[in-house]
C-alpha atoms as a PDB file:
ATOM      1  CA  MET A   1       0.028   0.026   0.392  1.00  0.00           C
ATOM      2  CA  ASN A   2       2.910   2.598  -0.348  1.00  0.00           C
ATOM      3  CA  ILE A   3       1.277   3.906  -3.484  1.00  0.00           C
ATOM      4  CA  LEU A   4      -0.603   6.433  -1.013  1.00  0.00           C
ATOM      5  CA  LYS A   5       1.024   9.435   0.365  1.00  0.00           C
ATOM      6  CA  LYS A   6       3.042   9.285   3.575  1.00  0.00           C
ATOM      7  CA  ASP A   7       0.724  11.733   5.402  1.00  0.00           C
ATOM      8  CA  CYS A   8      -1.596   8.942   5.758  1.00  0.00           C
ATOM      9  CA  GLN A   9       0.896   6.835   7.316  1.00  0.00           C
ATOM     10  CA  SER A  10      -1.581   6.236  10.605  1.00  0.00           C
ATOM     11  CA  SER A  11      -4.405   5.172   8.558  1.00  0.00           C
ATOM     12  CA  LEU A  12      -2.312   3.019   6.329  1.00  0.00           C
ATOM     13  CA  GLU A  13      -0.850   1.350   9.511  1.00  0.00           C
ATOM     14  CA  LEU A  14      -4.556   0.653  10.864  1.00  0.00           C
ATOM     15  CA  ILE A  15      -5.731  -0.786   7.442  1.00  0.00           C
ATOM     16  CA  LYS A  16      -2.760  -3.076   6.998  1.00  0.00           C
ATOM     17  CA  THR A  17      -3.364  -4.141  10.593  1.00  0.00           C
ATOM     18  CA  TYR A  18      -7.025  -4.716   9.953  1.00  0.00           C
ATOM     19  CA  ILE A  19      -6.292  -6.499   6.658  1.00  0.00           C
ATOM     20  CA  GLU A  20      -3.701  -8.737   8.000  1.00  0.00           C
ATOM     21  CA  ASN A  21      -5.857  -9.843  10.982  1.00  0.00           C
ATOM     22  CA  ASN A  22      -9.326 -10.136   9.209  1.00  0.00           C
ATOM     23  CA  HIS A  23      -8.300 -11.546   5.813  1.00  0.00           C
ATOM     24  CA  PRO A  24      -4.639 -13.224   6.206  1.00  0.00           C
ATOM     25  CA  THR A  25      -5.560 -15.159   2.817  1.00  0.00           C
ATOM     26  CA  HIS A  26      -5.616 -12.447   0.993  1.00  0.00           C
ATOM     27  CA  ILE A  27      -3.203 -10.097  -0.949  1.00  0.00           C
ATOM     28  CA  VAL A  28      -3.958  -6.197  -1.587  1.00  0.00           C
ATOM     29  CA  THR A  29      -3.657  -5.163  -5.328  1.00  0.00           C
ATOM     30  CA  HIS A  30      -5.416  -2.011  -5.506  1.00  0.00           C
ATOM     31  CA  ALA A  31      -5.285   0.909  -3.020  1.00  0.00           C
ATOM     32  CA  ARG A  32      -6.677   4.218  -3.248  1.00  0.00           C
ATOM     33  CA  LYS A  33      -6.824   7.338  -1.675  1.00  0.00           C
ATOM     34  CA  ILE A  34     -10.330   9.088  -2.920  1.00  0.00           C
ATOM     35  CA  ARG A  35     -11.495  12.529  -1.619  1.00  0.00           C
ATOM     36  CA  THR A  36     -15.158  12.668  -2.401  1.00  0.00           C
ATOM     37  CA  LYS A  37     -17.675  15.349  -3.782  1.00  0.00           C
ATOM     38  CA  ASP A  38     -18.178  16.308  -0.209  1.00  0.00           C
ATOM     39  CA  GLY A  39     -14.226  16.803   0.526  1.00  0.00           C
ATOM     40  CA  ASP A  40     -14.285  13.305   2.623  1.00  0.00           C
ATOM     41  CA  VAL A  41     -11.548  11.132   1.954  1.00  0.00           C
ATOM     42  CA  ILE A  42     -11.570   7.429   2.064  1.00  0.00           C
ATOM     43  CA  PHE A  43      -9.569   4.412   0.959  1.00  0.00           C
ATOM     44  CA  LEU A  44     -10.415   1.734  -1.182  1.00  0.00           C
ATOM     45  CA  VAL A  45      -8.700  -1.473  -1.002  1.00  0.00           C
ATOM     46  CA  LYS A  46      -8.892  -4.045  -3.189  1.00  0.00           C
ATOM     47  CA  LEU A  47      -7.961  -7.755  -1.849  1.00  0.00           C
ATOM     48  CA  ILE A  48      -7.759 -10.906  -4.431  1.00  0.00           C
ATOM     49  CA  SER A  49      -7.552 -14.288  -2.348  1.00  0.00           C
ATOM     50  CA  ARG A  50      -4.040 -16.312  -2.784  1.00  0.00           C
ATOM     51  CA  ASP A  51      -5.998 -18.840  -4.646  1.00  0.00           C
ATOM     52  CA  LYS A  52      -7.559 -15.844  -6.926  1.00  0.00           C
ATOM     53  CA  GLU A  53     -10.815 -17.308  -6.373  1.00  0.00           C
ATOM     54  CA  GLU A  54     -12.015 -14.443  -4.289  1.00  0.00           C
ATOM     55  CA  SER A  55     -11.718 -10.585  -4.596  1.00  0.00           C
ATOM     56  CA  ILE A  56     -12.990  -8.161  -2.083  1.00  0.00           C
ATOM     57  CA  VAL A  57     -13.533  -4.062  -2.144  1.00  0.00           C
ATOM     58  CA  LEU A  58     -12.801  -2.332   1.004  1.00  0.00           C
ATOM     59  CA  LYS A  59     -13.764   1.075   2.332  1.00  0.00           C
ATOM     60  CA  PHE A  60     -12.094   2.843   4.749  1.00  0.00           C
ATOM     61  CA  ASP A  61     -12.433   6.633   6.070  1.00  0.00           C
ATOM     62  CA  LYS A  62      -9.385   8.495   6.603  1.00  0.00           C
ATOM     63  CA  ASP A  63      -8.816   7.692  10.214  1.00  0.00           C
ATOM     64  CA  GLY A  64      -8.620   4.015   8.948  1.00  0.00           C
ATOM     65  CA  SER A  65     -11.365   2.595  10.377  1.00  0.00           C
ATOM     66  CA  LEU A  66     -13.440   0.197   8.249  1.00  0.00           C
ATOM     67  CA  ILE A  67     -16.699   1.637   6.232  1.00  0.00           C
ATOM     68  CA  THR A  68     -19.461  -1.059   6.056  1.00  0.00           C
END
């Protein structure tokens, strides 16, 4: 996830920890920092299972908390 800017480092660490703890059989394929029309910052992270059978897209807020 190093493609995202360093100013979000603490959020990235929380996101990385969440993924490692909750999706240990998946790897990150894409990650993006997005600013919405309302000015909010969100992170989208696409994961794929190691066997390439399942993909997941997770959305996190600017603080690194999962958005459901």
